[in-house]
Every structure is written in C-alpha cells, then in structure tokens.
Amino acid sequence: MSKWTEVRDSLVEAMKLEDIGKNLKADFVTWLSGEGLDFAQEVVDKIIEECKKDAPTETGWCRIRDTFVVPVALNIVMYVLRTVLVKAAEESK
C-alpha cells in the first residue's frame, strides 16, 4: 500500500469516532457565532458604507436600492444569522 492510502485510511478511521464529530460541530458553531459573525458583520458594514456613499450619485430605483433596500436587507440577514447561530451555540454547550 502507498503512504497516501495509509494516511487516508487512518484519517477516515479517526473521523468515525462520534466524539470528534460532535465536538467538531460544537467548536465550529461556537467559532462561527463568535469570530465568523464578526467577520461577516465587517463585510456587511463595508458593503453598506459603499452603498450609502454611492447613493447620492444614483437616480431612480438605484438610489432607493442603495439608500434603503440593500442596507436593510443585509441588516436583516445578519440579525437572523446571528440569532440562529447564538441559539445553536447555546444548544451545543
């Protein structure tokens, strides 16, 4: 057997342990609800900032989109995502 096959088989065997799967999921949800959400919020804030900066130069639908629709939609998505992940992190503890 090749070295790669041995490594692959040992990884597959190690991943069959249920504790690793449960701990990995809980750790991922905890990380995502902390650092992951902070990163996502920074991205959303940057997008909203750019939209609001461009809004005065737009006309018609594009002005409404940049002033209201995009910022509100992104803030709603972040609120829902944060709520779901915080609740999932609480349940996985």
N, C-alpha and C. Protein backbone atom coordinates (compact mmCIF):
# COMPACT_ATOMS: atom_id res chain seq x y z
N MET A 1 0.82 -1.18 0.00
CA MET A 1 0.00 0.00 0.00
C MET A 1 0.88 1.25 0.00
N SER A 2 0.39 2.26 -0.67
CA SER A 2 1.16 3.50 -0.71
C SER A 2 0.99 4.27 0.60
N LYS A 3 1.89 5.20 0.80
CA LYS A 3 1.85 6.03 2.01
C LYS A 3 0.55 6.85 2.05
N TRP A 4 0.15 7.37 0.90
CA TRP A 4 -1.07 8.16 0.84
C TRP A 4 -2.28 7.34 1.26
N THR A 5 -2.37 6.12 0.82
CA THR A 5 -3.50 5.26 1.17
C THR A 5 -3.54 5.01 2.68
N GLU A 6 -2.37 4.79 3.27
CA GLU A 6 -2.32 4.58 4.72
C GLU A 6 -2.79 5.83 5.47
N VAL A 7 -2.34 6.99 5.03
CA VAL A 7 -2.73 8.24 5.68
C VAL A 7 -4.23 8.45 5.52
N ARG A 8 -4.73 8.26 4.31
CA ARG A 8 -6.16 8.43 4.05
C ARG A 8 -6.98 7.48 4.91
N ASP A 9 -6.60 6.23 4.97
CA ASP A 9 -7.34 5.25 5.76
C ASP A 9 -7.31 5.58 7.24
N SER A 10 -6.18 6.07 7.73
CA SER A 10 -6.11 6.42 9.15
C SER A 10 -6.98 7.64 9.45
N LEU A 11 -7.06 8.59 8.52
CA LEU A 11 -7.93 9.76 8.71
C LEU A 11 -9.39 9.36 8.68
N VAL A 12 -9.74 8.48 7.77
CA VAL A 12 -11.13 8.01 7.68
C VAL A 12 -11.50 7.27 8.96
N GLU A 13 -10.60 6.45 9.45
CA GLU A 13 -10.85 5.71 10.69
C GLU A 13 -10.99 6.65 11.88
N ALA A 14 -10.17 7.68 11.93
CA ALA A 14 -10.23 8.64 13.04
C ALA A 14 -11.52 9.44 13.01
N MET A 15 -12.03 9.74 11.84
CA MET A 15 -13.25 10.53 11.72
C MET A 15 -14.51 9.73 12.09
N LYS A 16 -14.39 8.43 12.23
CA LYS A 16 -15.54 7.61 12.60
C LYS A 16 -15.88 7.74 14.07
N LEU A 17 -15.00 8.30 14.84
CA LEU A 17 -15.27 8.47 16.26
C LEU A 17 -16.37 9.52 16.44
N GLU A 18 -17.40 9.17 17.16
CA GLU A 18 -18.54 10.06 17.32
C GLU A 18 -18.19 11.31 18.11
N ASP A 19 -17.32 11.18 19.10
CA ASP A 19 -16.95 12.34 19.92
C ASP A 19 -16.29 13.42 19.09
N ILE A 20 -15.46 13.02 18.17
CA ILE A 20 -14.78 14.00 17.32
C ILE A 20 -15.81 14.76 16.49
N GLY A 21 -16.77 14.06 15.94
CA GLY A 21 -17.81 14.70 15.14
C GLY A 21 -18.64 15.67 15.94
N LYS A 22 -19.05 15.26 17.14
CA LYS A 22 -19.88 16.13 17.98
C LYS A 22 -19.07 17.33 18.47
N ASN A 23 -17.85 17.09 18.90
CA ASN A 23 -17.01 18.20 19.38
C ASN A 23 -16.67 19.15 18.25
N LEU A 24 -16.39 18.60 17.08
CA LEU A 24 -16.06 19.43 15.93
C LEU A 24 -17.23 20.34 15.56
N LYS A 25 -18.43 19.78 15.57
CA LYS A 25 -19.62 20.58 15.25
C LYS A 25 -19.82 21.68 16.29
N ALA A 26 -19.71 21.34 17.55
CA ALA A 26 -19.89 22.33 18.61
C ALA A 26 -18.82 23.42 18.54
N ASP A 27 -17.58 23.03 18.29
CA ASP A 27 -16.50 24.01 18.18
C ASP A 27 -16.69 24.92 16.97
N PHE A 28 -17.16 24.34 15.87
CA PHE A 28 -17.38 25.13 14.65
C PHE A 28 -18.50 26.15 14.86
N VAL A 29 -19.59 25.71 15.48
CA VAL A 29 -20.70 26.62 15.73
C VAL A 29 -20.27 27.73 16.68
N THR A 30 -19.49 27.38 17.70
CA THR A 30 -19.00 28.39 18.63
C THR A 30 -18.10 29.38 17.92
N TRP A 31 -17.18 28.89 17.10
CA TRP A 31 -16.29 29.78 16.35
C TRP A 31 -17.10 30.66 15.41
N LEU A 32 -18.03 30.05 14.69
CA LEU A 32 -18.81 30.79 13.71
C LEU A 32 -19.66 31.86 14.39
N SER A 33 -20.22 31.56 15.56
CA SER A 33 -21.05 32.55 16.24
C SER A 33 -20.21 33.65 16.86
N GLY A 34 -18.92 33.46 16.98
CA GLY A 34 -18.03 34.50 17.50
C GLY A 34 -17.27 35.20 16.39
N GLU A 35 -16.15 34.62 16.02
CA GLU A 35 -15.27 35.23 15.02
C GLU A 35 -15.90 35.28 13.63
N GLY A 36 -16.63 34.26 13.27
CA GLY A 36 -17.25 34.22 11.94
C GLY A 36 -18.28 35.33 11.76
N LEU A 37 -19.07 35.57 12.78
CA LEU A 37 -20.07 36.64 12.70
C LEU A 37 -19.41 38.01 12.71
N ASP A 38 -18.32 38.15 13.46
CA ASP A 38 -17.61 39.42 13.46
C ASP A 38 -17.08 39.75 12.06
N PHE A 39 -16.52 38.75 11.41
CA PHE A 39 -16.01 38.94 10.05
C PHE A 39 -17.16 39.27 9.10
N ALA A 40 -18.25 38.54 9.20
CA ALA A 40 -19.41 38.79 8.32
C ALA A 40 -19.97 40.19 8.56
N GLN A 41 -20.00 40.63 9.81
CA GLN A 41 -20.51 41.96 10.12
C GLN A 41 -19.61 43.04 9.51
N GLU A 42 -18.31 42.82 9.55
CA GLU A 42 -17.39 43.78 8.93
C GLU A 42 -17.63 43.89 7.43
N VAL A 43 -17.85 42.76 6.79
CA VAL A 43 -18.12 42.75 5.34
C VAL A 43 -19.43 43.48 5.05
N VAL A 44 -20.45 43.18 5.82
CA VAL A 44 -21.75 43.83 5.63
C VAL A 44 -21.62 45.34 5.85
N ASP A 45 -20.92 45.74 6.90
CA ASP A 45 -20.73 47.17 7.16
C ASP A 45 -20.02 47.88 6.01
N LYS A 46 -19.03 47.21 5.43
CA LYS A 46 -18.30 47.79 4.30
C LYS A 46 -19.21 47.94 3.08
N ILE A 47 -20.02 46.93 2.81
CA ILE A 47 -20.95 46.99 1.67
C ILE A 47 -21.96 48.11 1.88
N ILE A 48 -22.52 48.21 3.09
CA ILE A 48 -23.49 49.26 3.38
C ILE A 48 -22.85 50.64 3.26
N GLU A 49 -21.63 50.76 3.74
CA GLU A 49 -20.91 52.04 3.63
C GLU A 49 -20.73 52.45 2.17
N GLU A 50 -20.35 51.51 1.32
CA GLU A 50 -20.18 51.79 -0.10
C GLU A 50 -21.51 52.16 -0.76
N CYS A 51 -22.57 51.45 -0.39
CA CYS A 51 -23.89 51.76 -0.97
C CYS A 51 -24.33 53.17 -0.59
N LYS A 52 -24.18 53.51 0.67
CA LYS A 52 -24.61 54.83 1.12
C LYS A 52 -23.74 55.94 0.52
N LYS A 53 -22.47 55.62 0.26
CA LYS A 53 -21.59 56.60 -0.37
C LYS A 53 -21.99 56.83 -1.82
N ASP A 54 -22.42 55.76 -2.51
CA ASP A 54 -22.81 55.87 -3.92
C ASP A 54 -24.24 56.37 -4.11
N ALA A 55 -25.08 56.26 -3.11
CA ALA A 55 -26.50 56.59 -3.25
C ALA A 55 -26.78 58.00 -3.75
N PRO A 56 -26.08 59.02 -3.26
CA PRO A 56 -26.41 60.38 -3.74
C PRO A 56 -26.15 60.59 -5.23
N THR A 57 -25.27 59.81 -5.82
CA THR A 57 -24.98 59.96 -7.25
C THR A 57 -25.92 59.14 -8.13
N GLU A 58 -26.71 58.27 -7.51
CA GLU A 58 -27.63 57.42 -8.28
C GLU A 58 -28.96 58.14 -8.47
N THR A 59 -29.77 57.63 -9.40
CA THR A 59 -31.10 58.18 -9.62
C THR A 59 -32.11 57.04 -9.68
N GLY A 60 -33.36 57.36 -9.40
CA GLY A 60 -34.44 56.39 -9.53
C GLY A 60 -34.29 55.20 -8.60
N TRP A 61 -34.57 54.02 -9.18
CA TRP A 61 -34.54 52.78 -8.42
C TRP A 61 -33.17 52.54 -7.79
N CYS A 62 -32.10 52.86 -8.48
CA CYS A 62 -30.76 52.62 -7.95
C CYS A 62 -30.50 53.43 -6.68
N ARG A 63 -31.06 54.62 -6.62
CA ARG A 63 -30.89 55.43 -5.40
C ARG A 63 -31.65 54.81 -4.23
N ILE A 64 -32.87 54.35 -4.49
CA ILE A 64 -33.66 53.68 -3.45
C ILE A 64 -32.96 52.39 -3.01
N ARG A 65 -32.46 51.64 -3.99
CA ARG A 65 -31.75 50.40 -3.70
C ARG A 65 -30.56 50.65 -2.78
N ASP A 66 -29.72 51.64 -3.15
CA ASP A 66 -28.52 51.90 -2.38
C ASP A 66 -28.79 52.56 -1.04
N THR A 67 -29.87 53.32 -0.95
CA THR A 67 -30.18 54.03 0.30
C THR A 67 -30.90 53.13 1.29
N PHE A 68 -31.86 52.33 0.81
CA PHE A 68 -32.71 51.58 1.73
C PHE A 68 -32.64 50.06 1.57
N VAL A 69 -32.86 49.57 0.36
CA VAL A 69 -33.08 48.14 0.15
C VAL A 69 -31.86 47.30 0.55
N VAL A 70 -30.70 47.60 0.02
CA VAL A 70 -29.52 46.80 0.31
C VAL A 70 -29.14 46.88 1.79
N PRO A 71 -29.05 48.07 2.39
CA PRO A 71 -28.69 48.11 3.82
C PRO A 71 -29.68 47.37 4.73
N VAL A 72 -30.97 47.57 4.48
CA VAL A 72 -31.98 46.91 5.32
C VAL A 72 -31.92 45.40 5.13
N ALA A 73 -31.82 44.94 3.90
CA ALA A 73 -31.76 43.50 3.63
C ALA A 73 -30.54 42.88 4.30
N LEU A 74 -29.39 43.51 4.18
CA LEU A 74 -28.18 42.96 4.79
C LEU A 74 -28.27 42.95 6.31
N ASN A 75 -28.85 44.00 6.88
CA ASN A 75 -29.00 44.03 8.35
C ASN A 75 -29.97 42.96 8.83
N ILE A 76 -31.02 42.71 8.08
CA ILE A 76 -31.97 41.65 8.44
C ILE A 76 -31.29 40.28 8.37
N VAL A 77 -30.54 40.04 7.31
CA VAL A 77 -29.82 38.77 7.17
C VAL A 77 -28.84 38.57 8.32
N MET A 78 -28.11 39.61 8.68
CA MET A 78 -27.16 39.50 9.79
C MET A 78 -27.88 39.24 11.10
N TYR A 79 -29.01 39.87 11.32
CA TYR A 79 -29.77 39.65 12.55
C TYR A 79 -30.24 38.20 12.64
N VAL A 80 -30.81 37.70 11.56
CA VAL A 80 -31.30 36.32 11.54
C VAL A 80 -30.13 35.35 11.73
N LEU A 81 -29.04 35.57 11.01
CA LEU A 81 -27.88 34.69 11.12
C LEU A 81 -27.32 34.70 12.54
N ARG A 82 -27.19 35.88 13.12
CA ARG A 82 -26.67 35.99 14.49
C ARG A 82 -27.59 35.26 15.48
N THR A 83 -28.90 35.46 15.34
CA THR A 83 -29.86 34.82 16.24
C THR A 83 -29.79 33.30 16.14
N VAL A 84 -29.77 32.79 14.93
CA VAL A 84 -29.72 31.34 14.73
C VAL A 84 -28.42 30.76 15.28
N LEU A 85 -27.30 31.40 15.00
CA LEU A 85 -26.02 30.87 15.46
C LEU A 85 -25.84 30.96 16.97
N VAL A 86 -26.34 32.01 17.58
CA VAL A 86 -26.24 32.13 19.04
C VAL A 86 -27.09 31.05 19.70
N LYS A 87 -28.29 30.83 19.18
CA LYS A 87 -29.13 29.78 19.74
C LYS A 87 -28.52 28.39 19.52
N ALA A 88 -27.92 28.18 18.36
CA ALA A 88 -27.27 26.89 18.09
C ALA A 88 -26.07 26.69 19.00
N ALA A 89 -25.32 27.75 19.26
CA ALA A 89 -24.16 27.65 20.15
C ALA A 89 -24.60 27.35 21.58
N GLU A 90 -25.72 27.95 22.01
CA GLU A 90 -26.24 27.68 23.35
C GLU A 90 -26.69 26.23 23.48
N GLU A 91 -27.33 25.70 22.45
CA GLU A 91 -27.81 24.33 22.50
C GLU A 91 -26.68 23.31 22.43
N SER A 92 -25.58 23.66 21.78
CA SER A 92 -24.49 22.70 21.62
C SER A 92 -23.57 22.66 22.84
N LYS A 93 -23.80 23.56 23.81
CA LYS A 93 -22.94 23.55 25.02
C LYS A 93 -23.32 22.47 25.97
